[in-house]
């Protein structure tokens, strides 16, 4: 269960991702959009204690190789 500040932070991250996608869609290919979104998620993913380390490493490597 998330605390209120964690829930507010997750809403802020989601809004940021949606805003980025809306701004970048006409300009970039889908793989570029995915890499930008994954890089923006790094902070959230690295601070999450609920995700296993292997998933964190996979997300980071996917973002770097795109």
Protein backbone atom coordinates (compact mmCIF):
# COMPACT_ATOMS: atom_id res chain seq x y z
CA UNK A 1 0.00 0.00 0.00
CA UNK A 2 1.38 3.37 -0.98
CA UNK A 3 1.45 6.31 1.39
CA UNK A 4 -0.20 9.57 0.29
CA UNK A 5 3.07 11.24 -0.71
CA UNK A 6 4.09 8.18 -2.76
CA UNK A 7 0.71 8.19 -4.49
CA UNK A 8 1.04 11.91 -5.26
CA UNK A 9 4.55 11.31 -6.62
CA UNK A 10 3.31 8.48 -8.84
CA UNK A 11 0.56 10.75 -10.23
CA UNK A 12 3.17 13.42 -10.94
CA UNK A 13 5.40 10.92 -12.75
CA UNK A 14 2.44 9.64 -14.78
CA UNK A 15 1.46 13.19 -15.76
CA UNK A 16 5.05 13.94 -16.76
CA UNK A 17 5.22 10.82 -18.92
CA UNK A 18 1.91 11.58 -20.62
CA UNK A 19 2.99 15.18 -21.25
CA UNK A 20 6.29 14.03 -22.69
CA UNK A 21 4.56 11.55 -24.95
CA UNK A 22 2.12 14.17 -26.21
CA UNK A 23 4.96 16.59 -27.00
CA UNK A 24 7.28 14.04 -28.57
CA UNK A 25 4.88 11.96 -30.64
CA UNK A 26 5.02 14.07 -33.81
CA UNK A 27 8.79 14.47 -33.64
CA UNK A 28 10.25 11.08 -32.76
CA UNK A 29 9.88 7.47 -33.73
CA UNK A 30 8.26 5.04 -31.32
CA UNK A 31 11.59 3.57 -30.18
CA UNK A 32 12.92 7.03 -29.38
CA UNK A 33 9.77 7.81 -27.40
CA UNK A 34 10.13 4.57 -25.48
CA UNK A 35 13.75 5.29 -24.61
CA UNK A 36 12.90 8.81 -23.39
CA UNK A 37 10.07 7.47 -21.24
CA UNK A 38 12.27 4.73 -19.80
CA UNK A 39 14.97 7.24 -18.93
CA UNK A 40 12.38 9.41 -17.19
CA UNK A 41 11.29 6.35 -15.22
CA UNK A 42 14.82 5.66 -13.95
CA UNK A 43 14.38 7.84 -10.88
CA UNK A 44 11.08 6.21 -10.00
CA UNK A 45 12.35 2.69 -10.68
CA UNK A 46 15.60 3.10 -8.78
CA UNK A 47 13.79 4.45 -5.72
CA UNK A 48 11.16 1.72 -5.72
CA UNK A 49 11.65 -1.02 -3.16
CA UNK A 50 8.92 -3.10 -4.78
CA UNK A 51 10.72 -4.00 -8.00
CA UNK A 52 13.38 -6.73 -8.14
CA UNK A 53 16.91 -5.78 -9.14
CA UNK A 54 16.77 -7.83 -12.34
CA UNK A 55 13.79 -5.78 -13.58
CA UNK A 56 15.59 -2.54 -12.74
CA UNK A 57 18.68 -3.67 -14.66
CA UNK A 58 16.55 -4.71 -17.65
CA UNK A 59 14.78 -1.34 -17.77
CA UNK A 60 18.06 0.55 -17.58
CA UNK A 61 19.73 -1.55 -20.28
CA UNK A 62 16.69 -1.24 -22.54
CA UNK A 63 16.75 2.54 -22.18
CA UNK A 64 20.47 2.77 -22.91
CA UNK A 65 20.50 0.52 -25.98
CA UNK A 66 17.54 2.12 -27.78
